[in-house]
């Protein structure tokens, strides 16, 4: 009976150690995904700003083209 309890205790300790390792690995993965998500958000913000700047520049350019046309157009 003592050997049976000892074997069960060893099995539980083994499972606990495995779960600790798994939890640490999952935590590392979540941290990595969080970093990746933040990088993607930053990239989207930068791209949005570039699009806004280009649309502002192109709006100004089209107004300039309209003003440069000769009167007979």
Protein backbone atom coordinates (compact mmCIF):
# COMPACT_ATOMS: atom_id res chain seq x y z
CA UNK A 1 0.00 0.00 0.00
CA UNK A 2 2.85 2.42 0.79
CA UNK A 3 4.45 1.60 -2.56
CA UNK A 4 1.13 2.27 -4.32
CA UNK A 5 0.78 5.69 -2.68
CA UNK A 6 4.40 6.46 -3.46
CA UNK A 7 3.89 5.55 -7.13
CA UNK A 8 0.79 7.74 -7.30
CA UNK A 9 2.68 10.63 -5.72
CA UNK A 10 5.52 10.25 -8.22
CA UNK A 11 2.99 10.18 -11.09
CA UNK A 12 1.28 13.33 -9.80
CA UNK A 13 4.63 15.10 -9.43
CA UNK A 14 5.54 14.10 -12.97
CA UNK A 15 2.23 15.40 -14.34
CA UNK A 16 2.61 18.62 -12.38
CA UNK A 17 6.11 19.18 -13.75
CA UNK A 18 4.86 18.54 -17.29
CA UNK A 19 2.01 21.03 -16.79
CA UNK A 20 4.41 23.64 -15.45
CA UNK A 21 6.60 23.26 -18.55
CA UNK A 22 3.56 23.42 -20.82
CA UNK A 23 2.27 26.53 -19.06
CA UNK A 24 5.65 28.23 -19.42
CA UNK A 25 5.78 27.37 -23.13
CA UNK A 26 2.25 28.64 -23.68
CA UNK A 27 3.04 31.83 -21.80
CA UNK A 28 6.12 32.41 -23.98
CA UNK A 29 3.98 31.92 -27.09
CA UNK A 30 1.34 34.36 -25.87
CA UNK A 31 4.02 36.96 -25.17
CA UNK A 32 5.48 36.47 -28.66
CA UNK A 33 2.05 36.77 -30.27
CA UNK A 34 1.36 39.93 -28.27
CA UNK A 35 4.60 41.46 -29.58
CA UNK A 36 3.70 40.43 -33.12
CA UNK A 37 0.22 41.90 -32.77
CA UNK A 38 1.64 45.17 -31.48
CA UNK A 39 4.07 45.31 -34.43
CA UNK A 40 1.17 44.76 -36.83
CA UNK A 41 -0.85 47.52 -35.16
CA UNK A 42 2.12 49.87 -35.49
CA UNK A 43 2.51 48.95 -39.17
CA UNK A 44 -1.19 49.59 -39.81
CA UNK A 45 -0.93 52.97 -38.09
CA UNK A 46 2.10 53.91 -40.20
CA UNK A 47 0.41 52.76 -43.42
CA UNK A 48 -2.74 54.71 -42.57
CA UNK A 49 -0.66 57.82 -41.99
CA UNK A 50 1.16 57.33 -45.31
CA UNK A 51 -2.17 56.94 -47.12
CA UNK A 52 -3.47 60.14 -45.49
CA UNK A 53 -0.32 62.02 -46.49
CA UNK A 54 -0.49 60.73 -50.07
CA UNK A 55 -4.15 61.64 -50.41
CA UNK A 56 -3.40 65.12 -49.09
CA UNK A 57 -0.53 65.50 -51.57
CA UNK A 58 -2.60 64.16 -54.47
CA UNK A 59 -5.50 66.49 -53.60
CA UNK A 60 -3.13 69.43 -53.70
CA UNK A 61 -1.62 68.23 -56.97
CA UNK A 62 -5.01 67.89 -58.67
CA UNK A 63 -5.94 71.43 -57.60
CA UNK A 64 -2.63 72.67 -58.97
CA UNK A 65 -3.25 70.90 -62.30
CA UNK A 66 -6.72 72.42 -62.55
CA UNK A 67 -5.30 75.88 -61.95
CA UNK A 68 -2.53 75.44 -64.55
CA UNK A 69 -4.89 74.60 -67.43
CA UNK A 70 -5.22 77.16 -70.16
CA UNK A 71 -8.54 78.99 -70.30
CA UNK A 72 -9.69 77.29 -73.54
CA UNK A 73 -10.13 73.89 -71.79
